[in-house]
């Protein structure tokens, strides 16, 4: 297969992936429901009803940022991975299946976070889903880079190794958040917020830090 056809394959993978990411991230907002008029009865104002939706706002913000950052990083890996084969495409589909599932644990988190009897399992389920997503993402990356299988021939190998180590932090960190859910749900959610902030940093920031060390 010619290089041009290989690049066409990766372009199709990116286009399909972008569509799934867009749908998943749009579905999140559907869980923020307009309070029905009867919720403002007995002296309860609309403002109070809207304020009571704070778990939905929190779940939306966390998941929107998480999906958005994963989309940005998924887009970035194609600066290094320049070819696609059947197995890479199928692994990527598995990853996208995990991404499209995230609105469900997000809705579960929003529904049960105010409930002391259910919040632990809801946060643990949310963290567990992100562990699976992070593992699937790493599988996409590692399949592409292992043995330079699908990499650009002129790729910076040191950069690839640095990015690989960075991506490995995801499953480990989400594992920490999963364990914390059974100790303190707010600490667990704090780990999610910290991870979102960490992965907002562009990859070249980590590469520059490695170069200076």
C-alpha atoms as a PDB file:
ATOM      1  CA  UNK A   1       0.000   0.000   0.000  1.00  0.00           C
ATOM      2  CA  UNK A   2       1.330   3.456  -0.881  1.00  0.00           C
ATOM      3  CA  UNK A   3       1.997   6.117   1.792  1.00  0.00           C
ATOM      4  CA  UNK A   4      -0.858   8.225   0.371  1.00  0.00           C
ATOM      5  CA  UNK A   5      -3.331   5.397   0.911  1.00  0.00           C
ATOM      6  CA  UNK A   6      -2.006   4.823   4.422  1.00  0.00           C
ATOM      7  CA  UNK A   7      -2.610   8.512   5.237  1.00  0.00           C
ATOM      8  CA  UNK A   8      -6.087   8.223   3.770  1.00  0.00           C
ATOM      9  CA  UNK A   9      -6.763   5.363   6.212  1.00  0.00           C
ATOM     10  CA  UNK A  10      -5.691   7.463   9.204  1.00  0.00           C
ATOM     11  CA  UNK A  11      -7.805  10.368   7.941  1.00  0.00           C
ATOM     12  CA  UNK A  12     -10.867   8.106   7.920  1.00  0.00           C
ATOM     13  CA  UNK A  13     -10.049   6.886  11.443  1.00  0.00           C
ATOM     14  CA  UNK A  14      -9.774  10.481  12.637  1.00  0.00           C
ATOM     15  CA  UNK A  15     -13.007  11.544  10.929  1.00  0.00           C
ATOM     16  CA  UNK A  16     -15.004   8.647  12.372  1.00  0.00           C
ATOM     17  CA  UNK A  17     -13.479   9.197  15.803  1.00  0.00           C
ATOM     18  CA  UNK A  18     -14.315  12.900  15.702  1.00  0.00           C
ATOM     19  CA  UNK A  19     -17.955  12.027  15.035  1.00  0.00           C
ATOM     20  CA  UNK A  20     -18.158   9.650  18.001  1.00  0.00           C
ATOM     21  CA  UNK A  21     -16.442  12.150  20.299  1.00  0.00           C
ATOM     22  CA  UNK A  22     -18.865  14.874  19.185  1.00  0.00           C
ATOM     23  CA  UNK A  23     -21.917  12.722  19.859  1.00  0.00           C
ATOM     24  CA  UNK A  24     -20.657  11.550  23.260  1.00  0.00           C
ATOM     25  CA  UNK A  25     -19.821  15.067  24.405  1.00  0.00           C
ATOM     26  CA  UNK A  26     -23.206  16.367  23.214  1.00  0.00           C
ATOM     27  CA  UNK A  27     -25.121  13.649  25.065  1.00  0.00           C
ATOM     28  CA  UNK A  28     -23.684  14.906  28.343  1.00  0.00           C
ATOM     29  CA  UNK A  29     -25.767  18.084  28.338  1.00  0.00           C
ATOM     30  CA  UNK A  30     -28.990  16.082  27.976  1.00  0.00           C
ATOM     31  CA  UNK A  31     -28.571  14.988  31.594  1.00  0.00           C
ATOM     32  CA  UNK A  32     -29.031  18.578  32.778  1.00  0.00           C
ATOM     33  CA  UNK A  33     -32.810  18.665  32.796  1.00  0.00           C
ATOM     34  CA  UNK A  34     -34.973  21.771  33.135  1.00  0.00           C
ATOM     35  CA  UNK A  35     -36.770  21.656  36.512  1.00  0.00           C
ATOM     36  CA  UNK A  36     -40.526  21.116  36.014  1.00  0.00           C
ATOM     37  CA  UNK A  37     -42.832  23.868  37.332  1.00  0.00           C
ATOM     38  CA  UNK A  38     -44.013  21.744  40.254  1.00  0.00           C
ATOM     39  CA  UNK A  39     -40.508  21.801  41.751  1.00  0.00           C
ATOM     40  CA  UNK A  40     -40.998  25.495  42.569  1.00  0.00           C
ATOM     41  CA  UNK A  41     -44.113  24.831  44.693  1.00  0.00           C
ATOM     42  CA  UNK A  42     -44.285  25.367  48.462  1.00  0.00           C
ATOM     43  CA  UNK A  43     -42.069  28.440  48.441  1.00  0.00           C
ATOM     44  CA  UNK A  44     -39.244  26.863  46.434  1.00  0.00           C
ATOM     45  CA  UNK A  45     -37.969  29.287  43.786  1.00  0.00           C
ATOM     46  CA  UNK A  46     -36.643  28.475  40.345  1.00  0.00           C
ATOM     47  CA  UNK A  47     -33.224  29.621  41.513  1.00  0.00           C
ATOM     48  CA  UNK A  48     -33.292  27.055  44.311  1.00  0.00           C
ATOM     49  CA  UNK A  49     -34.345  24.347  41.846  1.00  0.00           C
ATOM     50  CA  UNK A  50     -31.506  25.273  39.481  1.00  0.00           C
ATOM     51  CA  UNK A  51     -29.056  25.364  42.358  1.00  0.00           C
ATOM     52  CA  UNK A  52     -30.148  21.863  43.284  1.00  0.00           C
ATOM     53  CA  UNK A  53     -28.865  20.632  39.932  1.00  0.00           C
ATOM     54  CA  UNK A  54     -25.248  21.176  41.029  1.00  0.00           C
ATOM     55  CA  UNK A  55     -24.379  17.445  40.761  1.00  0.00           C
ATOM     56  CA  UNK A  56     -25.453  17.528  37.104  1.00  0.00           C
ATOM     57  CA  UNK A  57     -23.317  20.617  36.489  1.00  0.00           C
ATOM     58  CA  UNK A  58     -20.343  18.944  38.173  1.00  0.00           C
ATOM     59  CA  UNK A  59     -20.719  15.694  36.243  1.00  0.00           C
ATOM     60  CA  UNK A  60     -21.140  17.606  32.991  1.00  0.00           C
ATOM     61  CA  UNK A  61     -18.041  19.726  33.581  1.00  0.00           C
ATOM     62  CA  UNK A  62     -15.825  16.787  34.575  1.00  0.00           C
ATOM     63  CA  UNK A  63     -16.930  14.565  31.707  1.00  0.00           C
ATOM     64  CA  UNK A  64     -16.919  17.361  29.112  1.00  0.00           C
ATOM     65  CA  UNK A  65     -13.347  18.256  30.018  1.00  0.00           C
ATOM     66  CA  UNK A  66     -12.291  14.613  30.108  1.00  0.00           C
ATOM     67  CA  UNK A  67     -13.780  13.782  26.714  1.00  0.00           C
ATOM     68  CA  UNK A  68     -12.529  17.051  25.231  1.00  0.00           C
ATOM     69  CA  UNK A  69      -8.973  16.446  26.432  1.00  0.00           C
ATOM     70  CA  UNK A  70      -9.042  12.845  25.211  1.00  0.00           C
ATOM     71  CA  UNK A  71     -10.242  14.072  21.837  1.00  0.00           C
ATOM     72  CA  UNK A  72      -7.395  16.608  21.674  1.00  0.00           C
ATOM     73  CA  UNK A  73      -4.806  13.988  22.649  1.00  0.00           C
ATOM     74  CA  UNK A  74      -6.325  11.429  20.288  1.00  0.00           C
ATOM     75  CA  UNK A  75      -5.982  14.000  17.508  1.00  0.00           C
ATOM     76  CA  UNK A  76      -2.360  14.643  18.506  1.00  0.00           C
ATOM     77  CA  UNK A  77      -1.277  11.011  18.270  1.00  0.00           C
ATOM     78  CA  UNK A  78      -1.771  11.149  14.513  1.00  0.00           C
ATOM     79  CA  UNK A  79       1.225  13.466  14.295  1.00  0.00           C
ATOM     80  CA  UNK A  80       3.193  10.306  15.145  1.00  0.00           C
ATOM     81  CA  UNK A  81       0.991   7.467  13.889  1.00  0.00           C
ATOM     82  CA  UNK A  82       0.810   7.922  10.126  1.00  0.00           C
ATOM     83  CA  UNK A  83      -0.535   4.552   9.000  1.00  0.00           C
ATOM     84  CA  UNK A  84      -3.439   2.317  10.007  1.00  0.00           C
ATOM     85  CA  UNK A  85      -4.076  -1.400   9.697  1.00  0.00           C
ATOM     86  CA  UNK A  86      -7.153  -3.478  10.468  1.00  0.00           C
ATOM     87  CA  UNK A  87      -6.177  -4.225  14.066  1.00  0.00           C
ATOM     88  CA  UNK A  88      -5.454  -0.582  14.820  1.00  0.00           C
ATOM     89  CA  UNK A  89      -8.871   0.385  13.449  1.00  0.00           C
ATOM     90  CA  UNK A  90     -10.631  -2.259  15.548  1.00  0.00           C
ATOM     91  CA  UNK A  91      -8.764  -1.266  18.720  1.00  0.00           C
ATOM     92  CA  UNK A  92      -9.737   2.335  18.057  1.00  0.00           C
ATOM     93  CA  UNK A  93     -13.390   1.266  17.689  1.00  0.00           C
ATOM     94  CA  UNK A  94     -13.157  -0.429  21.093  1.00  0.00           C
ATOM     95  CA  UNK A  95     -11.797   2.789  22.565  1.00  0.00           C
ATOM     96  CA  UNK A  96     -14.646   4.781  21.005  1.00  0.00           C
ATOM     97  CA  UNK A  97     -17.178   2.311  22.423  1.00  0.00           C
ATOM     98  CA  UNK A  98     -15.816   3.094  25.887  1.00  0.00           C
ATOM     99  CA  UNK A  99     -15.967   6.843  25.226  1.00  0.00           C
ATOM    100  CA  UNK A 100     -19.594   6.670  24.085  1.00  0.00           C
ATOM    101  CA  UNK A 101     -20.500   4.855  27.332  1.00  0.00           C
ATOM    102  CA  UNK A 102     -19.277   7.717  29.561  1.00  0.00           C
ATOM    103  CA  UNK A 103     -22.592   9.671  29.572  1.00  0.00           C
ATOM    104  CA  UNK A 104     -24.196   6.808  31.539  1.00  0.00           C
ATOM    105  CA  UNK A 105     -21.844   6.848  34.570  1.00  0.00           C
ATOM    106  CA  UNK A 106     -21.950  10.646  34.358  1.00  0.00           C
ATOM    107  CA  UNK A 107     -25.739  10.545  34.734  1.00  0.00           C
ATOM    108  CA  UNK A 108     -25.373   8.029  37.571  1.00  0.00           C
ATOM    109  CA  UNK A 109     -22.905  10.350  39.296  1.00  0.00           C
ATOM    110  CA  UNK A 110     -25.245  13.335  38.951  1.00  0.00           C
ATOM    111  CA  UNK A 111     -28.226  11.376  40.266  1.00  0.00           C
ATOM    112  CA  UNK A 112     -26.617   9.757  43.290  1.00  0.00           C
ATOM    113  CA  UNK A 113     -23.914  12.212  44.381  1.00  0.00           C
ATOM    114  CA  UNK A 114     -26.354  13.970  46.766  1.00  0.00           C
ATOM    115  CA  UNK A 115     -27.419  10.585  48.223  1.00  0.00           C
ATOM    116  CA  UNK A 116     -25.119   9.326  51.022  1.00  0.00           C
ATOM    117  CA  UNK A 117     -26.258   5.753  50.429  1.00  0.00           C
ATOM    118  CA  UNK A 118     -25.410   5.702  46.747  1.00  0.00           C
ATOM    119  CA  UNK A 119     -22.659   8.225  46.134  1.00  0.00           C
ATOM    120  CA  UNK A 120     -19.774   5.841  46.857  1.00  0.00           C
ATOM    121  CA  UNK A 121     -20.838   3.332  44.229  1.00  0.00           C
ATOM    122  CA  UNK A 122     -21.689   6.110  41.748  1.00  0.00           C
ATOM    123  CA  UNK A 123     -18.236   7.722  42.071  1.00  0.00           C
ATOM    124  CA  UNK A 124     -16.515   4.325  41.997  1.00  0.00           C
ATOM    125  CA  UNK A 125     -18.449   3.409  38.853  1.00  0.00           C
ATOM    126  CA  UNK A 126     -17.475   6.705  37.247  1.00  0.00           C
ATOM    127  CA  UNK A 127     -13.803   6.163  38.111  1.00  0.00           C
ATOM    128  CA  UNK A 128     -13.929   2.551  36.987  1.00  0.00           C
ATOM    129  CA  UNK A 129     -15.290   3.592  33.607  1.00  0.00           C
ATOM    130  CA  UNK A 130     -12.428   6.032  33.173  1.00  0.00           C
ATOM    131  CA  UNK A 131      -9.910   3.309  34.055  1.00  0.00           C
ATOM    132  CA  UNK A 132     -11.296   1.224  31.200  1.00  0.00           C
ATOM    133  CA  UNK A 133     -11.260   4.226  28.844  1.00  0.00           C
ATOM    134  CA  UNK A 134      -7.655   5.047  29.775  1.00  0.00           C
ATOM    135  CA  UNK A 135      -6.592   1.426  29.246  1.00  0.00           C
ATOM    136  CA  UNK A 136      -8.300   1.375  25.845  1.00  0.00           C
ATOM    137  CA  UNK A 137      -6.610   4.653  24.897  1.00  0.00           C
ATOM    138  CA  UNK A 138      -3.222   3.270  25.905  1.00  0.00           C
ATOM    139  CA  UNK A 139      -3.902   0.167  23.826  1.00  0.00           C
ATOM    140  CA  UNK A 140      -4.537   2.350  20.760  1.00  0.00           C
ATOM    141  CA  UNK A 141      -1.286   4.207  21.346  1.00  0.00           C
ATOM    142  CA  UNK A 142       0.874   1.218  22.224  1.00  0.00           C
ATOM    143  CA  UNK A 143      -0.326  -0.839  19.272  1.00  0.00           C
ATOM    144  CA  UNK A 144       0.638   1.984  16.948  1.00  0.00           C
ATOM    145  CA  UNK A 145       4.070   2.699  18.410  1.00  0.00           C
ATOM    146  CA  UNK A 146       5.300  -0.757  19.426  1.00  0.00           C
ATOM    147  CA  UNK A 147       8.170  -1.712  17.174  1.00  0.00           C
ATOM    148  CA  UNK A 148       7.534   1.487  15.188  1.00  0.00           C
ATOM    149  CA  UNK A 149       4.658  -0.471  13.626  1.00  0.00           C
ATOM    150  CA  UNK A 150       2.569   2.482  12.395  1.00  0.00           C
ATOM    151  CA  UNK A 151       4.843   5.418  13.120  1.00  0.00           C
ATOM    152  CA  UNK A 152       6.146   8.055  10.773  1.00  0.00           C
ATOM    153  CA  UNK A 153       9.615   6.856   9.667  1.00  0.00           C
ATOM    154  CA  UNK A 154      11.129  10.176  10.778  1.00  0.00           C
ATOM    155  CA  UNK A 155       9.453  10.233  14.201  1.00  0.00           C
ATOM    156  CA  UNK A 156      11.293  11.549  17.252  1.00  0.00           C
ATOM    157  CA  UNK A 157      11.636   8.342  19.289  1.00  0.00           C
ATOM    158  CA  UNK A 158      12.474  10.229  22.495  1.00  0.00           C
ATOM    159  CA  UNK A 159       9.231  12.171  22.164  1.00  0.00           C
ATOM    160  CA  UNK A 160       7.279   8.950  21.640  1.00  0.00           C
ATOM    161  CA  UNK A 161       8.820   7.406  24.768  1.00  0.00           C
ATOM    162  CA  UNK A 162       8.000  10.490  26.837  1.00  0.00           C
ATOM    163  CA  UNK A 163       4.394  10.511  25.637  1.00  0.00           C
ATOM    164  CA  UNK A 164       4.095   6.778  26.357  1.00  0.00           C
ATOM    165  CA  UNK A 165       5.117   7.319  29.967  1.00  0.00           C
ATOM    166  CA  UNK A 166       2.693  10.206  30.281  1.00  0.00           C
ATOM    167  CA  UNK A 167      -0.219   8.147  28.970  1.00  0.00           C
ATOM    168  CA  UNK A 168       0.559   5.331  31.408  1.00  0.00           C
ATOM    169  CA  UNK A 169      -0.199   7.743  34.246  1.00  0.00           C
ATOM    170  CA  UNK A 170      -3.873   7.765  33.216  1.00  0.00           C
ATOM    171  CA  UNK A 171      -4.939   4.225  34.242  1.00  0.00           C
ATOM    172  CA  UNK A 172      -2.824   4.427  37.393  1.00  0.00           C
ATOM    173  CA  UNK A 173      -4.270   7.785  38.444  1.00  0.00           C
ATOM    174  CA  UNK A 174      -7.843   6.731  37.729  1.00  0.00           C
ATOM    175  CA  UNK A 175      -7.116   3.606  39.760  1.00  0.00           C
ATOM    176  CA  UNK A 176      -6.203   5.873  42.666  1.00  0.00           C
ATOM    177  CA  UNK A 177      -9.473   7.767  42.232  1.00  0.00           C
ATOM    178  CA  UNK A 178     -11.353   4.443  42.202  1.00  0.00           C
ATOM    179  CA  UNK A 179      -9.792   3.406  45.509  1.00  0.00           C
ATOM    180  CA  UNK A 180     -10.393   6.827  47.051  1.00  0.00           C
ATOM    181  CA  UNK A 181     -14.104   6.578  46.188  1.00  0.00           C
ATOM    182  CA  UNK A 182     -14.459   4.042  49.018  1.00  0.00           C
ATOM    183  CA  UNK A 183     -12.671   6.350  51.444  1.00  0.00           C
ATOM    184  CA  UNK A 184     -13.787   9.851  50.468  1.00  0.00           C
ATOM    185  CA  UNK A 185     -15.808  10.572  47.335  1.00  0.00           C
ATOM    186  CA  UNK A 186     -14.774  14.233  47.294  1.00  0.00           C
ATOM    187  CA  UNK A 187     -11.088  13.317  47.296  1.00  0.00           C
ATOM    188  CA  UNK A 188     -11.796  10.925  44.428  1.00  0.00           C
ATOM    189  CA  UNK A 189     -13.501  13.676  42.424  1.00  0.00           C
ATOM    190  CA  UNK A 190     -10.584  15.968  43.272  1.00  0.00           C
ATOM    191  CA  UNK A 191      -8.237  13.509  41.565  1.00  0.00           C
ATOM    192  CA  UNK A 192     -10.426  13.686  38.458  1.00  0.00           C
ATOM    193  CA  UNK A 193     -10.199  17.477  38.483  1.00  0.00           C
ATOM    194  CA  UNK A 194      -6.408  17.353  38.906  1.00  0.00           C
ATOM    195  CA  UNK A 195      -6.073  14.888  36.038  1.00  0.00           C
ATOM    196  CA  UNK A 196      -8.142  17.142  33.806  1.00  0.00           C
ATOM    197  CA  UNK A 197      -5.820  20.047  34.656  1.00  0.00           C
ATOM    198  CA  UNK A 198      -2.730  17.893  34.035  1.00  0.00           C
ATOM    199  CA  UNK A 199      -3.846  16.638  30.648  1.00  0.00           C
ATOM    200  CA  UNK A 200      -4.847  20.132  29.587  1.00  0.00           C
ATOM    201  CA  UNK A 201      -1.120  20.821  29.323  1.00  0.00           C
ATOM    202  CA  UNK A 202       0.124  20.260  25.765  1.00  0.00           C
ATOM    203  CA  UNK A 203       2.450  17.354  25.194  1.00  0.00           C
ATOM    204  CA  UNK A 204       5.306  19.615  24.132  1.00  0.00           C
ATOM    205  CA  UNK A 205       5.367  21.028  27.693  1.00  0.00           C
ATOM    206  CA  UNK A 206       6.391  17.616  28.987  1.00  0.00           C
ATOM    207  CA  UNK A 207       8.890  17.224  26.181  1.00  0.00           C
ATOM    208  CA  UNK A 208      10.484  20.585  26.986  1.00  0.00           C
ATOM    209  CA  UNK A 209      10.736  19.591  30.640  1.00  0.00           C
ATOM    210  CA  UNK A 210      12.521  16.395  29.638  1.00  0.00           C
ATOM    211  CA  UNK A 211      14.915  18.330  27.415  1.00  0.00           C
ATOM    212  CA  UNK A 212      15.879  20.679  30.278  1.00  0.00           C
ATOM    213  CA  UNK A 213      16.448  17.833  32.756  1.00  0.00           C
END
